[in-house]
Amino acid sequence: MVEVFKTNIQEAEQCNIIIGKLLEYFPNSTINFDLEDCDKILRIHASSISNHKIIELLNSHGFHCEVLL
C-alpha cells in the first residue's frame, strides 16, 4: 500500500526528523519526501498505513499534512 500526502515541510533536515518519527510507528516501511514538488510530497509505502496517525504526527511537530488524492 502506498499513500501520498501534501505537506508544508521545506528543509531536508525537517524531513529526516519526520522520517525517523514515522519509522517508529511504521518500522518496515519506505518513506520519502519530494521537496522539489510544489506540494512537498510525503510518500509512505507500507503493508499497513494509518492516515490519521501520519497527519497527527506531522501536526504535532508543527507541520501541515493532508492526503493527496
Protein backbone atom coordinates (compact mmCIF):
# COMPACT_ATOMS: atom_id res chain seq x y z
CA MET A 1 0.00 0.00 0.00
CA VAL A 2 1.27 3.48 -0.89
CA GLU A 3 -0.12 6.73 0.47
CA VAL A 4 0.82 10.21 -0.73
CA PHE A 5 0.47 13.35 1.36
CA LYS A 6 0.79 17.08 0.75
CA THR A 7 2.92 18.81 3.40
CA ASN A 8 4.49 22.19 4.11
CA ILE A 9 7.91 20.82 5.04
CA GLN A 10 10.64 22.93 3.47
CA GLU A 11 14.03 21.54 4.53
CA ALA A 12 15.80 18.18 4.26
CA GLU A 13 16.68 18.30 7.96
CA GLN A 14 12.97 18.53 8.83
CA CYS A 15 12.31 15.56 6.54
CA ASN A 16 14.90 13.46 8.36
CA ILE A 17 13.31 14.18 11.73
CA ILE A 18 9.82 13.31 10.48
CA ILE A 19 11.02 10.15 8.72
CA GLY A 20 12.64 8.99 11.97
CA LYS A 21 9.42 9.58 13.90
CA LEU A 22 7.29 7.86 11.26
CA LEU A 23 9.61 4.83 11.23
CA GLU A 24 8.90 4.41 14.96
CA TYR A 25 5.23 3.79 14.08
CA PHE A 26 5.77 2.09 10.71
CA PRO A 27 9.12 0.29 11.11
CA ASN A 28 9.04 -1.81 7.94
CA SER A 29 8.01 0.99 5.63
CA THR A 30 9.70 3.03 2.92
CA ILE A 31 9.28 6.76 3.47
CA ASN A 32 10.49 9.66 1.34
CA PHE A 33 9.82 13.30 0.60
CA ASP A 34 9.86 15.17 -2.69
CA LEU A 35 10.66 18.75 -1.72
CA GLU A 36 11.05 19.74 -5.38
CA ASP A 37 7.31 19.20 -5.91
CA CYS A 38 5.08 22.22 -5.21
CA ASP A 39 3.09 20.07 -2.73
CA LYS A 40 6.21 18.96 -0.77
CA ILE A 41 5.14 15.34 -1.21
CA LEU A 42 5.46 12.70 1.51
CA ARG A 43 5.23 9.09 0.23
CA ILE A 44 4.86 6.12 2.51
CA HIS A 45 4.96 2.54 1.28
CA ALA A 46 3.95 0.04 3.97
CA SER A 47 1.80 -3.03 4.48
CA SER A 48 -0.45 -1.08 6.86
CA ILE A 49 -0.84 2.71 6.97
CA SER A 50 -2.85 4.92 9.31
CA ASN A 51 -3.51 8.22 7.55
CA HIS A 52 -4.86 9.67 10.79
CA LYS A 53 -1.69 8.77 12.70
CA ILE A 54 0.57 10.23 9.99
CA ILE A 55 -1.36 13.51 9.87
CA GLU A 56 -1.48 13.66 13.68
CA LEU A 57 2.27 13.11 13.95
CA LEU A 58 3.16 15.84 11.44
CA ASN A 59 0.68 18.23 13.05
CA SER A 60 2.22 17.59 16.48
CA HIS A 61 5.56 18.74 15.05
CA GLY A 62 4.03 21.93 13.66
CA PHE A 63 3.60 20.83 10.05
CA HIS A 64 0.55 20.70 7.81
CA CYS A 65 -0.26 17.35 6.23
CA GLU A 66 -3.18 16.12 4.15
CA VAL A 67 -3.87 13.13 1.96
CA LEU A 68 -3.23 13.91 -1.69
CA LEU A 69 -5.98 12.42 -3.83
